């Protein structure tokens, strides 16, 4: 079920502090995901294996910008 942009924004605001503590976290943005919205989390290094797949029903997608 697609998530509304407002719900994704609320999840971003609620979890930004927690996500910021993950090693190498660079940026969290609200982005289009599966016909709705989710959180796009970018890491300067590899993506931590314990990154949740969703937060309060809002999908979380990730990418690593590690060029090594």
N, C-alpha and C. Protein backbone atom coordinates (compact mmCIF):
# COMPACT_ATOMS: atom_id res chain seq x y z
N UNK A 1 0.85 -1.18 0.00
CA UNK A 1 0.00 0.00 0.00
C UNK A 1 0.89 1.24 0.00
N UNK A 2 0.69 2.15 -0.94
CA UNK A 2 1.52 3.36 -1.02
C UNK A 2 1.39 4.21 0.24
N UNK A 3 2.49 4.82 0.62
CA UNK A 3 2.56 5.68 1.80
C UNK A 3 2.49 7.14 1.36
N UNK A 4 1.68 7.93 2.06
CA UNK A 4 1.54 9.36 1.74
C UNK A 4 2.83 10.10 2.07
N UNK A 5 3.08 11.16 1.34
CA UNK A 5 4.28 11.97 1.55
C UNK A 5 4.35 12.49 2.98
N UNK A 6 3.22 12.89 3.54
CA UNK A 6 3.19 13.43 4.90
C UNK A 6 3.61 12.37 5.92
N UNK A 7 3.22 11.13 5.71
CA UNK A 7 3.60 10.04 6.62
C UNK A 7 5.10 9.78 6.53
N UNK A 8 5.66 9.84 5.33
CA UNK A 8 7.10 9.65 5.16
C UNK A 8 7.87 10.80 5.81
N UNK A 9 7.37 12.02 5.65
CA UNK A 9 8.02 13.17 6.29
C UNK A 9 7.99 13.05 7.81
N UNK A 10 6.86 12.59 8.35
CA UNK A 10 6.75 12.41 9.80
C UNK A 10 7.73 11.34 10.29
N UNK A 11 7.86 10.24 9.55
CA UNK A 11 8.81 9.18 9.92
C UNK A 11 10.24 9.71 9.85
N UNK A 12 10.55 10.48 8.83
CA UNK A 12 11.89 11.07 8.72
C UNK A 12 12.19 11.93 9.94
N UNK A 13 11.25 12.78 10.30
CA UNK A 13 11.46 13.67 11.44
C UNK A 13 11.58 12.89 12.74
N UNK A 14 10.79 11.85 12.89
CA UNK A 14 10.78 11.04 14.11
C UNK A 14 12.06 10.21 14.26
N UNK A 15 12.62 9.70 13.16
CA UNK A 15 13.75 8.78 13.23
C UNK A 15 15.08 9.38 12.78
N UNK A 16 15.12 10.65 12.43
CA UNK A 16 16.36 11.25 11.94
C UNK A 16 17.50 11.11 12.95
N UNK A 17 17.23 11.36 14.20
CA UNK A 17 18.26 11.26 15.23
C UNK A 17 18.79 9.83 15.34
N UNK A 18 17.91 8.86 15.31
CA UNK A 18 18.31 7.45 15.39
C UNK A 18 19.12 7.05 14.17
N UNK A 19 18.65 7.41 12.98
CA UNK A 19 19.36 7.05 11.75
C UNK A 19 20.72 7.74 11.67
N UNK A 20 20.81 8.95 12.20
CA UNK A 20 22.07 9.70 12.17
C UNK A 20 23.16 9.02 12.97
N UNK A 21 22.79 8.17 13.89
CA UNK A 21 23.78 7.47 14.72
C UNK A 21 24.37 6.23 14.03
N UNK A 22 23.79 5.83 12.91
CA UNK A 22 24.32 4.67 12.19
C UNK A 22 25.65 5.03 11.53
N UNK A 23 26.62 4.13 11.56
CA UNK A 23 27.94 4.42 10.99
C UNK A 23 27.87 4.79 9.51
N UNK A 24 28.48 5.92 9.18
CA UNK A 24 28.57 6.33 7.78
C UNK A 24 27.33 6.98 7.21
N UNK A 25 26.28 7.20 8.02
CA UNK A 25 25.05 7.79 7.49
C UNK A 25 25.35 9.20 6.97
N UNK A 26 24.93 9.46 5.75
CA UNK A 26 25.20 10.73 5.09
C UNK A 26 23.96 11.60 4.95
N UNK A 27 22.83 11.00 4.57
CA UNK A 27 21.63 11.79 4.29
C UNK A 27 20.39 10.93 4.37
N UNK A 28 19.29 11.55 4.82
CA UNK A 28 17.98 10.90 4.80
C UNK A 28 17.04 11.83 4.06
N UNK A 29 16.37 11.31 3.06
CA UNK A 29 15.44 12.11 2.26
C UNK A 29 14.13 11.36 2.07
N UNK A 30 13.06 12.11 1.91
CA UNK A 30 11.79 11.53 1.49
C UNK A 30 11.87 11.38 -0.03
N UNK A 31 11.54 10.18 -0.51
CA UNK A 31 11.69 9.90 -1.95
C UNK A 31 10.54 9.00 -2.41
N UNK A 32 10.23 9.06 -3.72
CA UNK A 32 9.22 8.16 -4.25
C UNK A 32 9.67 6.70 -4.11
N UNK A 33 8.76 5.86 -3.59
CA UNK A 33 9.03 4.43 -3.41
C UNK A 33 7.73 3.68 -3.64
N UNK A 34 7.73 2.73 -4.56
CA UNK A 34 6.58 1.83 -4.79
C UNK A 34 5.24 2.55 -4.94
N UNK A 35 5.21 3.60 -5.72
CA UNK A 35 3.96 4.30 -5.98
C UNK A 35 3.53 5.24 -4.86
N UNK A 36 4.32 5.37 -3.84
CA UNK A 36 4.06 6.29 -2.73
C UNK A 36 5.38 6.93 -2.34
N UNK A 37 5.59 7.09 -1.04
CA UNK A 37 6.82 7.70 -0.56
C UNK A 37 7.45 6.84 0.52
N UNK A 38 8.75 7.01 0.66
CA UNK A 38 9.50 6.31 1.69
C UNK A 38 10.71 7.13 2.05
N UNK A 39 11.61 6.52 2.80
CA UNK A 39 12.85 7.18 3.20
C UNK A 39 14.01 6.59 2.42
N UNK A 40 14.79 7.45 1.83
CA UNK A 40 16.01 7.07 1.15
C UNK A 40 17.17 7.46 2.07
N UNK A 41 17.92 6.47 2.51
CA UNK A 41 19.03 6.69 3.43
C UNK A 41 20.33 6.41 2.69
N UNK A 42 21.20 7.41 2.66
CA UNK A 42 22.48 7.27 1.95
C UNK A 42 23.62 7.17 2.96
N UNK A 43 24.55 6.27 2.66
CA UNK A 43 25.70 6.04 3.53
C UNK A 43 26.99 6.32 2.79
N UNK A 44 27.98 6.88 3.50
CA UNK A 44 29.30 7.14 2.92
C UNK A 44 30.09 5.84 2.80
N UNK A 45 29.70 4.84 3.52
CA UNK A 45 30.37 3.54 3.49
C UNK A 45 29.30 2.49 3.28
N UNK A 46 29.60 1.25 3.60
CA UNK A 46 28.62 0.19 3.38
C UNK A 46 27.37 0.39 4.24
N UNK A 47 26.27 -0.12 3.75
CA UNK A 47 24.99 -0.02 4.45
C UNK A 47 25.00 -0.99 5.63
N UNK A 48 24.68 -0.50 6.83
CA UNK A 48 24.66 -1.40 7.99
C UNK A 48 23.62 -2.51 7.82
N UNK A 49 23.97 -3.73 8.19
CA UNK A 49 23.03 -4.85 8.01
C UNK A 49 21.78 -4.74 8.88
N UNK A 50 21.83 -3.93 9.93
CA UNK A 50 20.67 -3.82 10.82
C UNK A 50 19.76 -2.64 10.47
N UNK A 51 19.97 -2.02 9.29
CA UNK A 51 19.07 -0.95 8.86
C UNK A 51 17.68 -1.54 8.65
N UNK A 52 16.65 -0.97 9.31
CA UNK A 52 15.31 -1.52 9.14
C UNK A 52 14.80 -1.36 7.71
N UNK A 53 13.94 -2.28 7.30
CA UNK A 53 13.32 -2.21 5.96
C UNK A 53 12.15 -1.25 5.93
N UNK A 54 11.59 -0.97 7.12
CA UNK A 54 10.54 0.05 7.21
C UNK A 54 10.54 0.62 8.62
N UNK A 55 10.01 1.82 8.73
CA UNK A 55 9.85 2.50 10.01
C UNK A 55 8.40 2.96 10.11
N UNK A 56 7.68 2.39 11.05
CA UNK A 56 6.25 2.71 11.20
C UNK A 56 5.48 2.52 9.91
N UNK A 57 5.85 1.48 9.14
CA UNK A 57 5.16 1.19 7.88
C UNK A 57 5.66 1.99 6.70
N UNK A 58 6.63 2.87 6.90
CA UNK A 58 7.21 3.67 5.81
C UNK A 58 8.43 2.91 5.30
N UNK A 59 8.45 2.57 4.01
CA UNK A 59 9.59 1.81 3.48
C UNK A 59 10.90 2.59 3.56
N UNK A 60 11.98 1.87 3.80
CA UNK A 60 13.32 2.45 3.87
C UNK A 60 14.15 1.80 2.77
N UNK A 61 14.71 2.63 1.89
CA UNK A 61 15.64 2.16 0.88
C UNK A 61 16.98 2.78 1.17
N UNK A 62 18.05 2.12 0.74
CA UNK A 62 19.38 2.63 1.08
C UNK A 62 20.31 2.53 -0.10
N UNK A 63 21.39 3.32 -0.01
CA UNK A 63 22.45 3.23 -1.00
C UNK A 63 23.75 3.60 -0.31
N UNK A 64 24.82 3.07 -0.85
CA UNK A 64 26.17 3.38 -0.38
C UNK A 64 26.86 4.19 -1.45
N UNK A 65 27.53 5.25 -1.04
CA UNK A 65 28.29 6.05 -2.00
C UNK A 65 29.77 5.73 -1.90
N UNK A 66 30.09 4.61 -1.26
CA UNK A 66 31.47 4.14 -1.12
C UNK A 66 32.00 3.83 -2.52
N UNK A 67 33.01 4.52 -2.91
CA UNK A 67 33.57 4.36 -4.26
C UNK A 67 34.72 3.35 -4.29
N UNK A 68 35.02 2.76 -3.14
CA UNK A 68 36.16 1.83 -3.08
C UNK A 68 35.83 0.50 -3.71
